[in-house]
Amino acid sequence: MIFKKCGAEGLQKIYKRHNDTDRTEIFGTPDLFLFSTNSKTKEIREAHFIEVKRPDEKLSDEQEDEISFLKSLGLQAGVYRLKEKN
């Protein structure tokens, strides 16, 4: 599904970025890739790269950079904040 959503060119850009030897100690890849499909056609309806954080937890610079990178490829990427209950 990631290939379908990103396409060959987008996925190649992601692989190139993540395999760059200058980035071996740089993290920030979102926690989840969520998608939904049309039950009849099996086409992707929507897909999102998601970073999950607690309500008051800050994104690292690397996470912000990765989300911006994914968005620059025309992909949906963002932060979901947990709603904590007592």
N, C-alpha and C. Protein backbone atom coordinates (compact mmCIF):
# COMPACT_ATOMS: atom_id res chain seq x y z
N MET A 1 0.82 -1.19 0.00
CA MET A 1 0.00 0.00 0.00
C MET A 1 0.87 1.26 0.00
N ILE A 2 2.01 1.19 0.69
CA ILE A 2 2.90 2.36 0.67
C ILE A 2 3.36 2.63 -0.76
N PHE A 3 3.70 1.58 -1.50
CA PHE A 3 4.12 1.76 -2.89
C PHE A 3 3.00 2.37 -3.72
N LYS A 4 1.79 1.87 -3.53
CA LYS A 4 0.65 2.42 -4.28
C LYS A 4 0.45 3.90 -3.98
N LYS A 5 0.59 4.26 -2.73
CA LYS A 5 0.35 5.65 -2.33
C LYS A 5 1.50 6.57 -2.75
N CYS A 6 2.73 6.13 -2.57
CA CYS A 6 3.90 6.97 -2.83
C CYS A 6 4.32 6.96 -4.29
N GLY A 7 4.05 5.85 -4.97
CA GLY A 7 4.54 5.70 -6.33
C GLY A 7 6.03 5.38 -6.34
N ALA A 8 6.51 4.95 -7.47
CA ALA A 8 7.92 4.54 -7.57
C ALA A 8 8.86 5.70 -7.28
N GLU A 9 8.56 6.87 -7.84
CA GLU A 9 9.45 8.02 -7.65
C GLU A 9 9.47 8.49 -6.20
N GLY A 10 8.30 8.59 -5.58
CA GLY A 10 8.23 9.01 -4.18
C GLY A 10 8.92 8.02 -3.26
N LEU A 11 8.69 6.74 -3.49
CA LEU A 11 9.31 5.72 -2.65
C LEU A 11 10.83 5.73 -2.83
N GLN A 12 11.30 5.97 -4.04
CA GLN A 12 12.73 6.05 -4.28
C GLN A 12 13.33 7.22 -3.51
N LYS A 13 12.65 8.35 -3.46
CA LYS A 13 13.13 9.50 -2.70
C LYS A 13 13.19 9.20 -1.21
N ILE A 14 12.18 8.49 -0.71
CA ILE A 14 12.16 8.11 0.71
C ILE A 14 13.32 7.16 1.01
N TYR A 15 13.51 6.14 0.17
CA TYR A 15 14.62 5.19 0.37
C TYR A 15 15.97 5.89 0.31
N LYS A 16 16.12 6.78 -0.66
CA LYS A 16 17.39 7.49 -0.79
C LYS A 16 17.68 8.30 0.48
N ARG A 17 16.68 8.98 0.96
CA ARG A 17 16.85 9.79 2.19
C ARG A 17 17.20 8.91 3.39
N HIS A 18 16.49 7.81 3.54
CA HIS A 18 16.68 6.97 4.72
C HIS A 18 17.92 6.10 4.65
N ASN A 19 18.48 5.92 3.45
CA ASN A 19 19.72 5.15 3.31
C ASN A 19 20.95 6.03 3.17
N ASP A 20 20.79 7.32 3.28
CA ASP A 20 21.90 8.26 3.19
C ASP A 20 22.83 8.05 4.39
N THR A 21 24.10 7.79 4.12
CA THR A 21 25.05 7.51 5.21
C THR A 21 25.24 8.71 6.14
N ASP A 22 24.93 9.91 5.67
CA ASP A 22 25.02 11.09 6.53
C ASP A 22 23.86 11.17 7.52
N ARG A 23 22.87 10.29 7.36
CA ARG A 23 21.67 10.32 8.22
C ARG A 23 21.58 9.10 9.13
N THR A 24 22.66 8.36 9.32
CA THR A 24 22.58 7.12 10.09
C THR A 24 22.17 7.34 11.55
N GLU A 25 22.44 8.50 12.07
CA GLU A 25 22.07 8.80 13.47
C GLU A 25 20.91 9.79 13.55
N ILE A 26 20.22 9.99 12.44
CA ILE A 26 19.07 10.90 12.42
C ILE A 26 17.81 10.06 12.32
N PHE A 27 16.93 10.27 13.27
CA PHE A 27 15.69 9.51 13.32
C PHE A 27 14.53 10.46 13.08
N GLY A 28 13.32 9.98 13.11
CA GLY A 28 12.19 10.87 12.92
C GLY A 28 11.10 10.27 12.05
N THR A 29 11.31 9.05 11.59
CA THR A 29 10.30 8.39 10.77
C THR A 29 9.01 8.25 11.57
N PRO A 30 7.87 8.62 10.99
CA PRO A 30 6.60 8.52 11.72
C PRO A 30 6.33 7.09 12.22
N ASP A 31 5.57 7.01 13.30
CA ASP A 31 5.28 5.73 13.94
C ASP A 31 4.40 4.82 13.10
N LEU A 32 3.46 5.41 12.37
CA LEU A 32 2.44 4.61 11.69
C LEU A 32 2.23 5.04 10.25
N PHE A 33 1.80 4.08 9.43
CA PHE A 33 1.27 4.35 8.11
C PHE A 33 -0.14 3.78 8.11
N LEU A 34 -1.13 4.65 8.11
CA LEU A 34 -2.53 4.23 8.16
C LEU A 34 -3.19 4.48 6.81
N PHE A 35 -4.03 3.54 6.39
CA PHE A 35 -4.71 3.72 5.12
C PHE A 35 -6.08 3.06 5.17
N SER A 36 -6.96 3.51 4.30
CA SER A 36 -8.26 2.85 4.13
C SER A 36 -8.46 2.65 2.63
N THR A 37 -9.19 1.59 2.31
CA THR A 37 -9.44 1.27 0.91
C THR A 37 -10.94 1.17 0.66
N ASN A 38 -11.30 1.35 -0.58
CA ASN A 38 -12.68 1.14 -1.01
C ASN A 38 -12.92 -0.36 -0.98
N SER A 39 -13.96 -0.80 -0.31
CA SER A 39 -14.20 -2.24 -0.14
C SER A 39 -14.49 -2.95 -1.45
N LYS A 40 -14.98 -2.25 -2.44
CA LYS A 40 -15.28 -2.88 -3.73
C LYS A 40 -14.09 -2.84 -4.69
N THR A 41 -13.51 -1.66 -4.85
CA THR A 41 -12.44 -1.51 -5.84
C THR A 41 -11.05 -1.77 -5.26
N LYS A 42 -10.93 -1.76 -3.95
CA LYS A 42 -9.65 -1.94 -3.24
C LYS A 42 -8.68 -0.77 -3.47
N GLU A 43 -9.14 0.30 -4.08
CA GLU A 43 -8.32 1.48 -4.26
C GLU A 43 -8.15 2.19 -2.91
N ILE A 44 -7.00 2.81 -2.74
CA ILE A 44 -6.75 3.55 -1.51
C ILE A 44 -7.62 4.80 -1.50
N ARG A 45 -8.40 4.95 -0.43
CA ARG A 45 -9.22 6.16 -0.26
C ARG A 45 -8.38 7.26 0.36
N GLU A 46 -7.66 6.91 1.38
CA GLU A 46 -6.78 7.88 2.04
C GLU A 46 -5.66 7.14 2.74
N ALA A 47 -4.55 7.85 2.93
CA ALA A 47 -3.39 7.27 3.59
C ALA A 47 -2.64 8.39 4.31
N HIS A 48 -2.12 8.07 5.48
CA HIS A 48 -1.44 9.07 6.31
C HIS A 48 -0.23 8.45 7.00
N PHE A 49 0.87 9.20 7.01
CA PHE A 49 2.01 8.87 7.85
C PHE A 49 1.79 9.64 9.15
N ILE A 50 1.80 8.92 10.27
CA ILE A 50 1.41 9.50 11.55
C ILE A 50 2.49 9.36 12.61
N GLU A 51 2.80 10.46 13.25
CA GLU A 51 3.64 10.46 14.45
C GLU A 51 2.68 10.56 15.63
N VAL A 52 2.81 9.66 16.60
CA VAL A 52 1.92 9.64 17.76
C VAL A 52 2.64 10.26 18.96
N LYS A 53 1.98 11.19 19.60
CA LYS A 53 2.56 11.90 20.75
C LYS A 53 1.54 12.02 21.87
N ARG A 54 2.05 12.14 23.08
CA ARG A 54 1.20 12.48 24.22
C ARG A 54 0.74 13.93 24.04
N PRO A 55 -0.29 14.35 24.77
CA PRO A 55 -0.83 15.70 24.59
C PRO A 55 0.21 16.82 24.70
N ASP A 56 1.16 16.69 25.61
CA ASP A 56 2.13 17.77 25.84
C ASP A 56 3.53 17.44 25.31
N GLU A 57 3.65 16.35 24.58
CA GLU A 57 4.97 15.93 24.10
C GLU A 57 5.34 16.70 22.82
N LYS A 58 6.56 17.20 22.80
CA LYS A 58 7.05 17.99 21.67
C LYS A 58 7.64 17.09 20.59
N LEU A 59 7.46 17.50 19.34
CA LEU A 59 8.12 16.83 18.23
C LEU A 59 9.60 17.19 18.25
N SER A 60 10.44 16.23 17.90
CA SER A 60 11.86 16.54 17.75
C SER A 60 12.04 17.28 16.41
N ASP A 61 13.18 17.94 16.28
CA ASP A 61 13.47 18.62 15.01
C ASP A 61 13.48 17.62 13.86
N GLU A 62 14.00 16.42 14.11
CA GLU A 62 14.06 15.38 13.08
C GLU A 62 12.66 14.94 12.66
N GLN A 63 11.74 14.84 13.63
CA GLN A 63 10.37 14.45 13.31
C GLN A 63 9.67 15.54 12.50
N GLU A 64 9.87 16.79 12.88
CA GLU A 64 9.30 17.90 12.12
C GLU A 64 9.84 17.91 10.70
N ASP A 65 11.14 17.66 10.57
CA ASP A 65 11.78 17.63 9.26
C ASP A 65 11.24 16.49 8.40
N GLU A 66 11.04 15.33 9.01
CA GLU A 66 10.54 14.18 8.27
C GLU A 66 9.10 14.40 7.80
N ILE A 67 8.28 14.97 8.64
CA ILE A 67 6.89 15.27 8.26
C ILE A 67 6.88 16.27 7.11
N SER A 68 7.71 17.29 7.18
CA SER A 68 7.81 18.27 6.09
C SER A 68 8.28 17.61 4.81
N PHE A 69 9.25 16.71 4.91
CA PHE A 69 9.75 15.99 3.73
C PHE A 69 8.63 15.18 3.08
N LEU A 70 7.89 14.43 3.88
CA LEU A 70 6.80 13.62 3.33
C LEU A 70 5.74 14.50 2.67
N LYS A 71 5.42 15.61 3.31
CA LYS A 71 4.45 16.54 2.73
C LYS A 71 4.96 17.12 1.42
N SER A 72 6.28 17.34 1.32
CA SER A 72 6.86 17.88 0.08
C SER A 72 6.70 16.91 -1.07
N LEU A 73 6.49 15.63 -0.75
CA LEU A 73 6.26 14.60 -1.78
C LEU A 73 4.78 14.49 -2.12
N GLY A 74 3.96 15.34 -1.50
CA GLY A 74 2.53 15.32 -1.76
C GLY A 74 1.79 14.28 -0.94
N LEU A 75 2.43 13.81 0.13
CA LEU A 75 1.82 12.79 1.00
C LEU A 75 1.20 13.43 2.23
N GLN A 76 0.22 12.77 2.79
CA GLN A 76 -0.39 13.23 4.04
C GLN A 76 0.49 12.77 5.19
N ALA A 77 0.91 13.70 6.03
CA ALA A 77 1.75 13.36 7.18
C ALA A 77 1.44 14.35 8.29
N GLY A 78 1.44 13.85 9.52
CA GLY A 78 1.14 14.74 10.63
C GLY A 78 1.27 14.05 11.97
N VAL A 79 0.75 14.72 12.97
CA VAL A 79 0.85 14.27 14.35
C VAL A 79 -0.55 13.97 14.88
N TYR A 80 -0.70 12.85 15.51
CA TYR A 80 -1.93 12.52 16.26
C TYR A 80 -1.54 12.58 17.73
N ARG A 81 -2.31 13.29 18.49
CA ARG A 81 -2.05 13.38 19.92
C ARG A 81 -3.01 12.49 20.67
N LEU A 82 -2.46 11.73 21.60
CA LEU A 82 -3.28 10.84 22.42
C LEU A 82 -4.13 11.68 23.36
N LYS A 83 -5.31 11.20 23.62
CA LYS A 83 -6.18 11.84 24.59
C LYS A 83 -6.16 10.95 25.82
N GLU A 84 -5.45 11.40 26.83
CA GLU A 84 -5.26 10.57 28.02
C GLU A 84 -6.46 10.66 28.94
N LYS A 85 -6.82 9.51 29.50
CA LYS A 85 -7.91 9.44 30.47
C LYS A 85 -7.35 8.96 31.80
N ASN A 86 -7.95 9.39 32.86
CA ASN A 86 -7.53 8.93 34.20
C ASN A 86 -8.07 7.56 34.48
